Amino acid sequence: MSHPRVVIEPDGEARSSVIWLHGLGADGHDFEPIVPYLGLDPSLGVRFVFPHAPPRPVTVNAGMIMRAWYDIRQLGSREDEDEDGIGESAALVSALIDEERARGIPSERVVLAGFSQGGALALHVGLRHPAPLAGLVVLSAYLVLEKRVEAERHPASRTLPIFQAHGTLDPMVPVGAGERARDVLLRLGHAVEWHAYAMGHEVRPEEIRDIGAALGRMLGKAPRTS
């Protein structure tokens, strides 16, 4: 394990993995507390991997150094994107998928998930990964390098289930950015399950239940009901 991360192992043998990417300025502990609330069937044997983004200066935050998957130079800009940073972090996430495969989890049982900047990176990697994945969970996020998606996406992603969710009151990543990503994906023929919630840049209990249901479908079992 070369890259720092938080790992939650299942009670029994690991049979599937969820690699979950945090948002700007957070770390791998950010989504750790929601795991028990997803209601996943223990027989799925889900290992959760929460990597820490590397620290880097973030232009829109006055150059402050914080954990970020890539620099953000202009809010909402699709023209001045940190291609190098995106590429470096994409390679890191791809290496994490390879590590799970080396530990006995086939790519078809690996889900990429992420929130905000982490969701954008999960979507970026998932569309380009050369082996089929179990699915993508994209929360309060958007498309990066949008103009290159159609040319760069891998045929393995064509049938990839995509769960996408966004807050309609989000002041950080406006819901329109999520809708734009959804519409691009639909135009390209991807299967997108879209959910919108009356919330800001956050995660709510109703959304967590919906994420659990989506993960259960992607990995083969419906979630437990209380």
Protein backbone atom coordinates (compact mmCIF):
# COMPACT_ATOMS: atom_id res chain seq x y z
CA MET A 1 0.00 0.00 0.00
CA SER A 2 2.08 2.88 -1.27
CA HIS A 3 -0.54 5.64 -1.10
CA PRO A 4 -1.96 6.76 2.29
CA ARG A 5 -5.56 5.76 2.82
CA VAL A 6 -8.22 4.71 5.31
CA VAL A 7 -9.41 1.12 4.85
CA ILE A 8 -12.50 -0.51 6.36
CA GLU A 9 -12.47 -4.27 5.95
CA PRO A 10 -15.63 -6.39 5.95
CA ASP A 11 -16.29 -8.81 8.81
CA GLY A 12 -15.57 -11.77 6.56
CA GLU A 13 -13.68 -12.25 3.32
CA ALA A 14 -13.49 -9.22 1.03
CA ARG A 15 -15.39 -9.95 -2.19
CA SER A 16 -15.80 -6.41 -3.55
CA SER A 17 -14.33 -2.95 -3.08
CA VAL A 18 -15.54 0.65 -3.04
CA ILE A 19 -12.82 3.24 -3.62
CA TRP A 20 -14.25 6.54 -2.34
CA LEU A 21 -12.62 9.90 -3.11
CA HIS A 22 -13.15 12.86 -0.80
CA GLY A 23 -13.74 16.48 -1.77
CA LEU A 24 -11.41 19.49 -1.81
CA GLY A 25 -9.71 20.17 1.52
CA ALA A 26 -11.04 17.04 3.24
CA ASP A 27 -9.28 13.69 3.66
CA GLY A 28 -9.97 9.98 3.60
CA HIS A 29 -11.73 10.09 6.96
CA ASP A 30 -14.49 12.34 5.60
CA PHE A 31 -16.89 9.61 4.44
CA GLU A 32 -15.70 6.87 6.79
CA PRO A 33 -18.62 7.44 9.23
CA ILE A 34 -21.37 6.75 6.67
CA VAL A 35 -20.38 3.13 5.98
CA PRO A 36 -22.62 1.61 8.70
CA TYR A 37 -25.61 3.60 7.41
CA LEU A 38 -25.44 2.26 3.85
CA GLY A 39 -27.27 -0.91 4.88
CA LEU A 40 -25.20 -3.20 2.69
CA ASP A 41 -25.69 -6.95 2.93
CA PRO A 42 -22.67 -8.43 4.76
CA SER A 43 -22.49 -11.21 2.17
CA LEU A 44 -21.24 -8.64 -0.36
CA GLY A 45 -17.96 -8.52 1.58
CA VAL A 46 -17.30 -4.87 0.76
CA ARG A 47 -13.90 -3.40 1.50
CA PHE A 48 -14.01 0.43 1.62
CA VAL A 49 -10.88 2.29 0.56
CA PHE A 50 -10.74 6.03 1.32
CA PRO A 51 -7.50 7.48 -0.09
CA HIS A 52 -6.09 10.84 0.99
CA ALA A 53 -5.51 13.31 -1.83
CA PRO A 54 -1.96 14.72 -1.92
CA PRO A 55 -1.49 18.24 -0.50
CA ARG A 56 -1.11 20.93 -3.17
CA PRO A 57 -1.63 24.71 -3.57
CA VAL A 58 -5.18 25.58 -4.66
CA THR A 59 -5.39 28.75 -6.72
CA VAL A 60 -9.00 29.69 -5.92
CA ASN A 61 -8.18 29.42 -2.21
CA ALA A 62 -5.38 32.00 -2.46
CA GLY A 63 -2.79 29.31 -3.09
CA MET A 64 -3.32 27.65 0.28
CA ILE A 65 -1.91 24.14 0.50
CA MET A 66 -4.61 21.56 1.17
CA ARG A 67 -5.53 18.06 0.14
CA ALA A 68 -6.78 18.28 -3.44
CA TRP A 69 -6.94 15.88 -6.36
CA TYR A 70 -6.05 18.75 -8.70
CA ASP A 71 -5.78 22.53 -8.66
CA ILE A 72 -8.84 24.66 -9.27
CA ARG A 73 -7.77 27.84 -11.02
CA GLN A 74 -11.16 29.42 -11.71
CA LEU A 75 -14.50 28.50 -10.18
CA GLY A 76 -16.81 27.01 -12.77
CA SER A 77 -14.27 27.29 -15.59
CA ARG A 78 -14.06 24.53 -18.19
CA GLU A 79 -11.26 26.29 -20.06
CA ASP A 80 -8.42 26.54 -17.52
CA GLU A 81 -8.26 23.09 -15.97
CA ASP A 82 -5.31 21.48 -14.23
CA GLU A 83 -4.71 18.71 -16.76
CA ASP A 84 -1.45 17.62 -15.14
CA GLY A 85 -3.00 17.36 -11.68
CA ILE A 86 -6.02 15.48 -13.02
CA GLY A 87 -3.71 13.10 -14.86
CA GLU A 88 -1.53 12.47 -11.81
CA SER A 89 -4.50 11.74 -9.56
CA ALA A 90 -6.15 9.59 -12.24
CA ALA A 91 -3.01 7.46 -12.32
CA LEU A 92 -3.11 7.20 -8.54
CA VAL A 93 -6.74 5.99 -8.58
CA SER A 94 -6.01 3.53 -11.38
CA ALA A 95 -3.17 2.15 -9.26
CA LEU A 96 -5.60 1.68 -6.37
CA ILE A 97 -7.90 -0.34 -8.65
CA ASP A 98 -4.92 -2.45 -9.69
CA GLU A 99 -4.04 -3.03 -6.04
CA GLU A 100 -7.55 -4.30 -5.34
CA ARG A 101 -7.27 -6.64 -8.32
CA ALA A 102 -3.92 -7.88 -7.01
CA ARG A 103 -5.65 -8.63 -3.70
CA GLY A 104 -8.20 -10.83 -5.45
CA ILE A 105 -11.04 -8.40 -6.25
CA PRO A 106 -11.89 -8.43 -9.98
CA SER A 107 -12.47 -5.03 -11.57
CA GLU A 108 -16.12 -5.99 -12.16
CA ARG A 109 -16.57 -5.85 -8.38
CA VAL A 110 -14.90 -2.47 -7.84
CA VAL A 111 -17.00 0.69 -7.51
CA LEU A 112 -15.48 4.15 -7.80
CA ALA A 113 -17.25 6.75 -5.69
CA GLY A 114 -16.53 10.39 -4.92
CA PHE A 115 -17.86 13.69 -3.63
CA SER A 116 -17.39 17.04 -5.37
CA GLN A 117 -13.83 17.15 -6.74
CA GLY A 118 -13.50 13.48 -5.81
CA GLY A 119 -16.69 12.69 -7.72
CA ALA A 120 -15.37 14.49 -10.78
CA LEU A 121 -12.17 12.41 -10.61
CA ALA A 122 -14.11 9.16 -10.08
CA LEU A 123 -16.14 9.93 -13.19
CA HIS A 124 -13.02 10.87 -15.15
CA VAL A 125 -11.24 7.63 -14.26
CA GLY A 126 -14.27 5.37 -14.54
CA LEU A 127 -15.08 6.44 -18.08
CA ARG A 128 -11.49 5.76 -19.21
CA HIS A 129 -10.62 2.61 -17.27
CA PRO A 130 -9.61 -0.22 -19.62
CA ALA A 131 -11.45 -2.94 -17.69
CA PRO A 132 -15.14 -2.99 -16.74
CA LEU A 133 -15.99 -1.73 -13.26
CA ALA A 134 -19.06 -2.47 -11.12
CA GLY A 135 -20.24 1.14 -11.23
CA LEU A 136 -19.70 4.80 -10.37
CA VAL A 137 -21.17 6.89 -7.54
CA VAL A 138 -20.84 10.58 -8.41
CA LEU A 139 -21.96 13.00 -5.67
CA SER A 140 -22.28 16.80 -6.03
CA ALA A 141 -19.80 16.71 -8.90
CA TYR A 142 -19.20 17.64 -12.53
CA LEU A 143 -17.23 16.63 -15.63
CA VAL A 144 -13.59 17.61 -16.01
CA LEU A 145 -11.93 17.82 -19.43
CA GLU A 146 -15.42 17.60 -20.90
CA LYS A 147 -14.35 18.13 -24.51
CA ARG A 148 -12.18 15.00 -24.38
CA VAL A 149 -14.69 12.61 -22.82
CA GLU A 150 -16.16 11.23 -26.02
CA ALA A 151 -12.78 10.56 -27.62
CA GLU A 152 -11.06 9.22 -24.49
CA ARG A 153 -13.73 7.04 -22.88
CA HIS A 154 -12.98 3.34 -23.07
CA PRO A 155 -15.42 0.84 -24.62
CA ALA A 156 -15.38 -1.00 -21.26
CA SER A 157 -17.33 1.92 -19.74
CA ARG A 158 -20.26 1.79 -22.18
CA THR A 159 -22.47 -0.33 -19.88
CA LEU A 160 -21.15 1.13 -16.62
CA PRO A 161 -23.98 1.89 -14.12
CA ILE A 162 -23.66 5.51 -12.94
CA PHE A 163 -25.43 6.81 -9.82
CA GLN A 164 -25.34 10.60 -9.83
CA ALA A 165 -26.73 12.82 -7.07
CA HIS A 166 -26.72 16.56 -6.40
CA GLY A 167 -28.16 19.17 -4.06
CA THR A 168 -30.51 21.63 -5.74
CA LEU A 169 -29.33 24.36 -3.31
CA ASP A 170 -25.60 23.68 -3.71
CA PRO A 171 -23.69 27.01 -3.56
CA MET A 172 -20.28 25.43 -4.28
CA VAL A 173 -20.99 23.20 -7.27
CA PRO A 174 -24.29 24.43 -8.73
CA VAL A 175 -26.80 21.74 -9.62
CA GLY A 176 -26.55 22.91 -13.23
CA ALA A 177 -22.99 21.56 -13.37
CA GLY A 178 -24.23 18.15 -12.29
CA GLU A 179 -27.11 18.29 -14.76
CA ARG A 180 -24.71 19.21 -17.54
CA ALA A 181 -22.55 16.17 -16.73
CA ARG A 182 -25.66 13.98 -16.64
CA ASP A 183 -26.84 15.27 -20.02
CA VAL A 184 -23.43 14.70 -21.64
CA LEU A 185 -23.36 11.14 -20.28
CA LEU A 186 -26.90 10.44 -21.49
CA ARG A 187 -26.09 11.84 -24.93
CA LEU A 188 -23.14 9.44 -25.11
CA GLY A 189 -25.43 6.53 -24.26
CA HIS A 190 -24.47 5.93 -20.63
CA ALA A 191 -27.00 4.68 -18.08
CA VAL A 192 -27.35 7.40 -15.44
CA GLU A 193 -29.52 7.14 -12.33
CA TRP A 194 -30.06 10.79 -11.37
CA HIS A 195 -31.16 11.96 -7.91
CA ALA A 196 -31.67 15.56 -6.76
CA TYR A 197 -32.17 16.59 -3.13
CA ALA A 198 -33.19 19.87 -1.51
CA MET A 199 -29.79 20.43 0.13
CA GLY A 200 -26.52 22.29 -0.27
CA HIS A 201 -22.99 20.95 -0.79
CA GLU A 202 -23.43 18.04 1.59
CA VAL A 203 -24.79 14.52 2.02
CA ARG A 204 -28.14 13.80 3.68
CA PRO A 205 -29.57 10.59 5.23
CA GLU A 206 -32.03 10.07 2.36
CA GLU A 207 -29.13 10.27 -0.09
CA ILE A 208 -27.05 7.82 1.95
CA ARG A 209 -29.92 5.31 1.78
CA ASP A 210 -30.12 5.78 -1.99
CA ILE A 211 -26.34 5.32 -2.31
CA GLY A 212 -26.59 2.09 -0.33
CA ALA A 213 -29.36 0.84 -2.61
CA ALA A 214 -27.30 1.70 -5.69
CA LEU A 215 -24.19 -0.03 -4.32
CA GLY A 216 -26.30 -3.10 -3.54
CA ARG A 217 -27.53 -3.24 -7.13
CA MET A 218 -24.05 -2.67 -8.56
CA LEU A 219 -22.53 -5.37 -6.40
CA GLY A 220 -25.40 -7.80 -6.63
CA LYS A 221 -27.61 -7.54 -3.55
CA ALA A 222 -30.34 -5.21 -2.33
CA PRO A 223 -29.52 -3.38 0.94
CA ARG A 224 -30.97 -4.54 4.23
CA THR A 225 -34.05 -2.69 5.48
CA SER A 226 -34.41 -1.74 9.11
